[in-house]
Amino acid sequence: MKFMTILAASLLAFHAAGFAQNDQTTKAHMENLELTQEWDKVFPMSDKVNHSKITFHNRYGITLAADLYMPKNATGKLPAIAVSGPFGAVKEQASGLYAQTLAERGFLTIAFDPSYTGESGGQPRNVASPDINTEDFSAAVDYLSTRDDVDAERIGILGICGWGGFAINAAAMDTRIKATVASTMYDICRGTANGYFDANDNAEARYQMRKQLNAQRTEDYRNGSYKLTVMNPKPADDAPQFMKDYYDYYKTKRGYHPRSINSGLGWHVTSSLSLINMPILAYSDEIRSAVLVVHGEKAHSRYFGEDAFKKLKGDNKELHIVPGASHTDLYDNLEKIPFDKIVEFYNQYLK
């Protein structure tokens, strides 16, 4: 018995030593990112906030790039919000607009590029991972929690589109997150595995998809390069309205950005493999912190948000439907994005 106790203590000491060594080497292995210093957002700069570029790392050793927005003349420790999304977008698009607007309302905010995309690090480029992308939110919380001007007990997150799903997944994992907003939410894993409105929700359809994607893996390895998806091509006249909406945002002056995957760079085709096998909302019914799901009345993706909300438990969960709004209206339409509601929610639960 004494031997077992000593052995257990030794193992704990060994692991602790390993953690200590990792603590000493993490920052030494941070990637060196070249960040654009000019204002290259698709929205105008606010004169009510101070803006700067920052970096932080996640626990996979990937360095993330972000824009930090600070209310002018702010003092003391502030409530903070980390923002990301939509899925395939960059911080110069919708997430930056949300972050800057919330900073105007008194929050310290960051809008970050997910791993492998935009100005953030990670190789190869243009890869999606439900695990790593959820981790990116927690890494943002790591960073915010250690700032002297942030109240670590008043940190929230906000995910847009596919990042609304990752935000809810992060809230299920990370108890430091006190309030979560999922705006125009899209469950990218459910959509990939089942198709729109679950039209292909059967084992045979998923098997055929996996078979095709794994064949592509072989080709990618043989070729030494990765086949990319074609993002938001000009839709035909009879295409669904949401495809026209995506094109209108990502491929026109309204929202185009050269670093955005959705504006033309494309995802690795084989990224879908991990999305198929990762139901990110599996433990969302165990979230104890506050969650606000915001969706457009006319959004093709509305069912994702409503179904996600149905699974949430507790009296600190809320669904807010925006009258007349489409999916992409909640990217940048300041007359549709319910910032008053979002700020009210954060003020209630980040106090």
Protein backbone atom coordinates (compact mmCIF):
# COMPACT_ATOMS: atom_id res chain seq x y z
CA MET A 1 0.00 0.00 0.00
CA LYS A 2 2.87 2.33 0.93
CA PHE A 3 4.60 1.45 -2.36
CA MET A 4 1.45 2.34 -4.34
CA THR A 5 1.18 5.67 -2.52
CA ILE A 6 4.79 6.51 -3.32
CA LEU A 7 4.32 5.43 -6.95
CA ALA A 8 1.22 7.61 -7.32
CA ALA A 9 3.03 10.58 -5.79
CA SER A 10 5.97 10.03 -8.13
CA LEU A 11 3.72 9.96 -11.16
CA LEU A 12 2.02 13.16 -10.05
CA ALA A 13 5.41 14.78 -9.56
CA PHE A 14 6.52 13.60 -13.00
CA HIS A 15 3.45 15.06 -14.67
CA ALA A 16 3.80 18.28 -12.70
CA ALA A 17 7.40 18.57 -13.85
CA GLY A 18 6.24 18.02 -17.41
CA PHE A 19 3.66 20.79 -17.06
CA ALA A 20 6.29 23.12 -15.58
CA GLN A 21 8.62 22.48 -18.50
CA ASN A 22 5.82 23.11 -20.98
CA ASP A 23 5.00 26.39 -19.21
CA GLN A 24 8.59 27.49 -19.76
CA THR A 25 8.63 26.62 -23.46
CA THR A 26 5.17 27.62 -24.68
CA LYS A 27 5.93 31.27 -25.39
CA ALA A 28 9.31 30.38 -26.92
CA HIS A 29 7.49 28.41 -29.60
CA MET A 30 4.95 31.10 -30.47
CA GLU A 31 4.72 31.62 -34.23
CA ASN A 32 5.94 34.90 -35.64
CA LEU A 33 2.99 36.42 -37.46
CA GLU A 34 3.14 39.30 -39.90
CA LEU A 35 0.09 41.41 -39.07
CA THR A 36 -1.32 44.08 -41.31
CA GLN A 37 -1.23 47.39 -39.47
CA GLU A 38 -3.41 49.35 -41.87
CA TRP A 39 -7.20 49.47 -41.44
CA ASP A 40 -8.40 46.92 -44.00
CA LYS A 41 -11.84 46.08 -42.56
CA VAL A 42 -15.04 46.02 -44.60
CA PHE A 43 -16.60 48.43 -42.08
CA PRO A 44 -15.51 51.96 -41.09
CA MET A 45 -13.32 52.66 -38.06
CA SER A 46 -15.16 54.00 -35.02
CA ASP A 47 -13.97 57.17 -33.30
CA LYS A 48 -15.38 55.88 -30.00
CA VAL A 49 -12.85 53.07 -29.45
CA ASN A 50 -9.12 52.45 -29.54
CA HIS A 51 -7.98 49.66 -31.86
CA SER A 52 -4.83 47.54 -31.77
CA LYS A 53 -3.56 44.20 -33.07
CA ILE A 54 -2.72 41.43 -30.60
CA THR A 55 -1.74 37.75 -30.65
CA PHE A 56 -2.28 34.83 -28.30
CA HIS A 57 -1.78 31.09 -28.50
CA ASN A 58 -3.99 28.05 -28.05
CA ARG A 59 -3.03 24.81 -26.35
CA TYR A 60 -2.11 23.24 -29.70
CA GLY A 61 0.69 25.81 -30.03
CA ILE A 62 -1.04 27.79 -32.77
CA THR A 63 -0.67 31.57 -32.56
CA LEU A 64 -3.90 33.45 -33.20
CA ALA A 65 -4.20 36.99 -34.54
CA ALA A 66 -6.88 39.33 -33.27
CA ASP A 67 -8.09 42.91 -33.29
CA LEU A 68 -8.59 44.40 -29.84
CA TYR A 69 -11.20 47.12 -29.35
CA MET A 70 -11.13 49.23 -26.19
CA PRO A 71 -13.71 51.89 -25.25
CA LYS A 72 -12.01 55.29 -25.20
CA ASN A 73 -11.39 56.72 -21.75
CA ALA A 74 -12.09 53.32 -20.16
CA THR A 75 -10.77 52.78 -16.64
CA GLY A 76 -10.57 49.86 -14.24
CA LYS A 77 -11.26 46.22 -15.01
CA LEU A 78 -13.76 45.81 -17.85
CA PRO A 79 -16.10 43.00 -18.89
CA ALA A 80 -14.67 41.36 -22.00
CA ILE A 81 -16.07 39.51 -25.02
CA ALA A 82 -14.26 37.32 -27.59
CA VAL A 83 -15.89 37.24 -31.04
CA SER A 84 -15.39 35.03 -34.08
CA GLY A 85 -17.21 33.95 -37.22
CA PRO A 86 -18.83 33.40 -39.58
CA PHE A 87 -17.42 30.02 -40.58
CA GLY A 88 -14.91 30.81 -43.31
CA ALA A 89 -14.79 34.56 -42.63
CA VAL A 90 -12.04 36.71 -41.13
CA LYS A 91 -11.94 39.28 -38.34
CA GLU A 92 -12.05 42.09 -40.88
CA GLN A 93 -15.61 41.10 -41.71
CA ALA A 94 -18.65 40.47 -39.47
CA SER A 95 -16.83 39.53 -36.25
CA GLY A 96 -14.89 42.78 -36.29
CA LEU A 97 -18.07 44.78 -36.77
CA TYR A 98 -19.66 43.05 -33.77
CA ALA A 99 -16.54 43.51 -31.65
CA GLN A 100 -16.16 47.20 -32.47
CA THR A 101 -19.85 47.90 -31.86
CA LEU A 102 -19.79 46.12 -28.49
CA ALA A 103 -16.66 48.09 -27.53
CA GLU A 104 -18.60 51.26 -28.25
CA ARG A 105 -21.07 49.99 -25.64
CA GLY A 106 -18.44 49.63 -22.92
CA PHE A 107 -16.89 46.17 -23.35
CA LEU A 108 -13.27 45.28 -24.05
CA THR A 109 -13.53 43.01 -27.08
CA ILE A 110 -11.37 40.97 -29.40
CA ALA A 111 -12.26 39.62 -32.84
CA PHE A 112 -9.92 36.79 -33.81
CA ASP A 113 -9.08 34.75 -36.86
CA PRO A 114 -9.52 31.01 -36.22
CA SER A 115 -6.56 28.64 -36.44
CA TYR A 116 -5.26 28.02 -39.98
CA THR A 117 -7.12 31.02 -41.41
CA GLY A 118 -6.72 34.76 -41.96
CA GLU A 119 -3.70 36.23 -40.19
CA SER A 120 -3.58 33.45 -37.58
CA GLY A 121 -0.99 30.72 -37.64
CA GLY A 122 -1.22 27.00 -38.28
CA GLN A 123 -0.20 24.79 -41.18
CA PRO A 124 -1.50 23.73 -43.59
CA ARG A 125 -3.77 26.67 -44.34
CA ASN A 126 -7.56 26.66 -44.73
CA VAL A 127 -8.30 23.71 -42.46
CA ALA A 128 -11.40 23.42 -40.25
CA SER A 129 -11.47 21.40 -37.04
CA PRO A 130 -14.40 21.36 -34.59
CA ASP A 131 -12.00 20.50 -31.76
CA ILE A 132 -9.36 23.13 -32.50
CA ASN A 133 -11.92 25.79 -33.41
CA THR A 134 -13.72 25.27 -30.11
CA GLU A 135 -10.34 25.47 -28.40
CA ASP A 136 -9.72 28.81 -30.13
CA PHE A 137 -12.54 30.33 -28.07
CA SER A 138 -11.04 29.00 -24.83
CA ALA A 139 -7.62 30.31 -25.88
CA ALA A 140 -9.21 33.74 -26.28
CA VAL A 141 -10.56 33.37 -22.73
CA ASP A 142 -7.03 32.43 -21.57
CA TYR A 143 -5.73 35.66 -23.04
CA LEU A 144 -8.51 37.88 -21.73
CA SER A 145 -8.34 36.34 -18.25
CA THR A 146 -4.72 37.39 -17.86
CA ARG A 147 -5.10 41.04 -18.93
CA ASP A 148 -4.83 43.58 -16.12
CA ASP A 149 -7.70 45.62 -17.57
CA VAL A 150 -10.15 42.69 -17.74
CA ASP A 151 -12.34 41.32 -14.97
CA ALA A 152 -11.73 37.58 -15.32
CA GLU A 153 -15.12 36.85 -13.75
CA ARG A 154 -16.92 38.83 -16.47
CA ILE A 155 -15.90 37.20 -19.74
CA GLY A 156 -18.31 36.28 -22.52
CA ILE A 157 -18.05 34.99 -26.07
CA LEU A 158 -20.00 35.60 -29.27
CA GLY A 159 -20.06 33.32 -32.28
CA ILE A 160 -21.56 34.18 -35.65
CA CYS A 161 -22.96 31.61 -38.12
CA GLY A 162 -20.94 28.37 -37.81
CA TRP A 163 -19.02 29.90 -34.95
CA GLY A 164 -22.31 30.19 -33.08
CA GLY A 165 -22.22 26.40 -32.85
CA PHE A 166 -18.59 26.40 -31.72
CA ALA A 167 -19.44 29.09 -29.13
CA ILE A 168 -22.13 26.89 -27.59
CA ASN A 169 -19.72 23.95 -27.61
CA ALA A 170 -17.09 26.11 -25.89
CA ALA A 171 -19.63 27.18 -23.26
CA ALA A 172 -20.31 23.49 -22.53
CA MET A 173 -16.60 22.90 -21.95
CA ASP A 174 -15.26 26.13 -20.45
CA THR A 175 -16.76 27.17 -17.09
CA ARG A 176 -14.91 30.50 -17.21
CA ILE A 177 -17.33 31.67 -19.90
CA LYS A 178 -20.14 33.46 -18.12
CA ALA A 179 -22.32 34.47 -21.08
CA THR A 180 -22.56 33.22 -24.67
CA VAL A 181 -24.29 34.71 -27.71
CA ALA A 182 -24.84 32.62 -30.84
CA SER A 183 -25.91 34.94 -33.67
CA THR A 184 -27.47 33.61 -36.89
CA MET A 185 -26.23 30.24 -35.63
CA TYR A 186 -25.30 27.37 -37.91
CA ASP A 187 -24.46 23.89 -36.64
CA ILE A 188 -21.76 23.21 -39.20
CA CYS A 189 -21.29 19.62 -38.03
CA ARG A 190 -24.96 18.70 -38.26
CA GLY A 191 -25.24 20.43 -41.63
CA THR A 192 -22.24 18.54 -42.99
CA ALA A 193 -23.29 15.15 -41.65
CA ASN A 194 -27.01 15.40 -42.43
CA GLY A 195 -27.40 17.96 -45.20
CA TYR A 196 -29.80 20.90 -45.11
CA PHE A 197 -32.88 20.19 -42.99
CA ASP A 198 -31.40 16.72 -42.34
CA ALA A 199 -32.36 15.58 -45.84
CA ASN A 200 -29.41 13.14 -45.98
CA ASP A 201 -29.51 11.96 -42.38
CA ASN A 202 -28.81 8.28 -42.97
CA ALA A 203 -25.83 5.96 -42.57
CA GLU A 204 -25.54 5.13 -46.27
CA ALA A 205 -25.32 8.79 -47.31
CA ARG A 206 -22.64 9.44 -44.71
CA TYR A 207 -20.73 6.31 -45.74
CA GLN A 208 -20.66 7.42 -49.37
CA MET A 209 -19.52 10.88 -48.32
CA ARG A 210 -16.74 9.43 -46.16
CA LYS A 211 -15.70 7.11 -48.99
CA GLN A 212 -15.39 10.02 -51.41
CA LEU A 213 -13.54 12.22 -48.93
CA ASN A 214 -11.08 9.49 -47.98
CA ALA A 215 -10.36 8.88 -51.66
CA GLN A 216 -9.56 12.59 -51.85
CA ARG A 217 -7.16 12.19 -48.91
CA THR A 218 -5.21 9.64 -50.94
CA GLU A 219 -5.08 11.98 -53.92
CA ASP A 220 -3.99 14.90 -51.76
CA TYR A 221 -1.16 12.89 -50.26
CA ARG A 222 -0.07 11.62 -53.67
CA ASN A 223 -0.14 15.12 -55.16
CA GLY A 224 1.47 16.85 -52.20
CA SER A 225 -1.28 19.45 -52.17
CA TYR A 226 -4.84 19.81 -50.93
CA LYS A 227 -7.91 20.14 -53.11
CA LEU A 228 -9.94 23.19 -52.11
CA THR A 229 -13.65 23.87 -52.18
CA VAL A 230 -15.10 26.48 -54.53
CA MET A 231 -16.72 29.08 -52.30
CA ASN A 232 -19.81 31.11 -53.17
CA PRO A 233 -19.65 31.13 -56.98
CA LYS A 234 -22.05 33.47 -58.76
CA PRO A 235 -25.45 31.79 -58.35
CA ALA A 236 -27.86 31.07 -61.18
CA ASP A 237 -31.05 33.08 -61.39
CA ASP A 238 -33.07 30.16 -60.00
CA ALA A 239 -30.64 29.42 -57.13
CA PRO A 240 -31.97 29.50 -53.55
CA GLN A 241 -32.06 32.99 -52.05
CA PHE A 242 -29.53 32.15 -49.32
CA MET A 243 -26.90 31.34 -51.99
CA LYS A 244 -27.51 34.76 -53.54
CA ASP A 245 -27.23 36.31 -50.08
CA TYR A 246 -23.86 34.63 -49.43
CA TYR A 247 -22.54 35.80 -52.81
CA ASP A 248 -23.78 39.32 -52.15
CA TYR A 249 -21.88 39.48 -48.87
CA TYR A 250 -18.64 37.65 -49.63
CA LYS A 251 -18.06 38.42 -53.30
CA THR A 252 -19.06 42.08 -53.57
CA LYS A 253 -17.72 45.32 -52.08
CA ARG A 254 -20.16 44.86 -49.21
CA GLY A 255 -18.11 42.16 -47.48
CA TYR A 256 -15.32 40.88 -49.76
CA HIS A 257 -11.92 40.41 -48.14
CA PRO A 258 -8.90 38.79 -49.81
CA ARG A 259 -7.96 36.75 -46.71
CA SER A 260 -11.46 35.33 -46.32
CA ILE A 261 -11.98 31.68 -47.25
CA ASN A 262 -15.59 32.46 -48.16
CA SER A 263 -14.52 35.28 -50.45
CA GLY A 264 -12.66 32.79 -52.61
CA LEU A 265 -9.74 31.00 -50.96
CA GLY A 266 -11.70 27.81 -50.21
CA TRP A 267 -11.51 25.14 -47.49
CA HIS A 268 -9.66 21.86 -47.74
CA VAL A 269 -12.28 19.50 -49.14
CA THR A 270 -11.29 16.86 -46.59
CA SER A 271 -12.05 19.17 -43.64
CA SER A 272 -15.56 17.77 -43.84
CA LEU A 273 -14.38 14.43 -42.46
CA SER A 274 -13.89 15.74 -38.93
CA LEU A 275 -17.12 17.75 -39.12
CA ILE A 276 -19.13 14.64 -39.97
CA ASN A 277 -17.88 12.74 -36.93
CA MET A 278 -18.10 15.50 -34.31
CA PRO A 279 -21.58 16.37 -32.95
CA ILE A 280 -20.53 19.61 -31.26
CA LEU A 281 -23.76 20.20 -29.35
CA ALA A 282 -23.71 16.82 -27.58
CA TYR A 283 -23.32 18.33 -24.10
CA SER A 284 -25.05 21.67 -24.61
CA ASP A 285 -27.80 20.60 -22.20
CA GLU A 286 -25.19 20.72 -19.42
CA ILE A 287 -24.33 24.41 -19.89
CA ARG A 288 -25.01 26.28 -16.64
CA SER A 289 -23.95 29.74 -17.79
CA ALA A 290 -26.21 32.12 -19.74
CA VAL A 291 -26.84 31.63 -23.47
CA LEU A 292 -28.65 33.88 -25.94
CA VAL A 293 -29.49 32.48 -29.38
CA VAL A 294 -30.25 35.17 -31.96
CA HIS A 295 -31.72 34.31 -35.35
CA GLY A 296 -33.42 35.90 -38.29
CA GLU A 297 -37.09 35.18 -38.92
CA LYS A 298 -36.43 34.52 -42.62
CA ALA A 299 -33.05 32.79 -42.25
CA HIS A 300 -32.67 29.44 -44.03
CA SER A 301 -30.58 28.38 -41.02
CA ARG A 302 -33.18 29.32 -38.40
CA TYR A 303 -33.89 25.67 -37.53
CA PHE A 304 -30.31 25.26 -36.29
CA GLY A 305 -30.76 27.99 -33.70
CA GLU A 306 -34.23 26.91 -32.63
CA ASP A 307 -33.18 23.27 -32.22
CA ALA A 308 -30.06 24.28 -30.30
CA PHE A 309 -32.17 26.42 -27.99
CA LYS A 310 -34.62 23.57 -27.32
CA LYS A 311 -31.78 21.49 -25.88
CA LEU A 312 -30.55 24.20 -23.49
CA LYS A 313 -31.70 24.03 -19.87
CA GLY A 314 -32.14 26.63 -17.17
CA ASP A 315 -33.86 29.98 -16.81
CA ASN A 316 -30.81 31.88 -18.10
CA LYS A 317 -31.28 30.73 -21.71
CA GLU A 318 -33.12 32.81 -24.32
CA LEU A 319 -34.09 32.67 -28.00
CA HIS A 320 -34.49 35.98 -29.83
CA ILE A 321 -35.95 35.97 -33.36
CA VAL A 322 -35.34 39.12 -35.41
CA PRO A 323 -38.41 40.01 -37.51
CA GLY A 324 -37.83 40.03 -41.26
CA ALA A 325 -34.11 39.22 -41.02
CA SER A 326 -32.28 36.76 -43.27
CA HIS A 327 -29.17 34.81 -42.31
CA THR A 328 -26.72 37.34 -43.73
CA ASP A 329 -28.68 40.35 -42.47
CA LEU A 330 -27.19 39.49 -39.09
CA TYR A 331 -23.66 39.74 -40.53
CA ASP A 332 -23.66 43.50 -41.08
CA ASN A 333 -27.12 45.06 -41.22
CA LEU A 334 -27.06 47.46 -38.27
CA GLU A 335 -30.81 47.93 -38.56
CA LYS A 336 -31.34 44.20 -38.06
CA ILE A 337 -28.60 43.08 -35.66
CA PRO A 338 -30.24 43.46 -32.22
CA PHE A 339 -27.31 45.07 -30.43
CA ASP A 340 -29.57 46.56 -27.76
CA LYS A 341 -30.77 43.06 -26.89
CA ILE A 342 -27.25 41.62 -26.97
CA VAL A 343 -25.87 44.38 -24.74
CA GLU A 344 -28.78 43.97 -22.31
CA PHE A 345 -28.00 40.25 -22.11
CA TYR A 346 -24.29 40.78 -21.46
CA ASN A 347 -24.97 43.50 -18.91
CA GLN A 348 -27.26 41.12 -17.05
CA TYR A 349 -24.87 38.18 -16.91
CA LEU A 350 -21.45 39.88 -16.93
CA LYS A 351 -22.02 41.90 -13.79
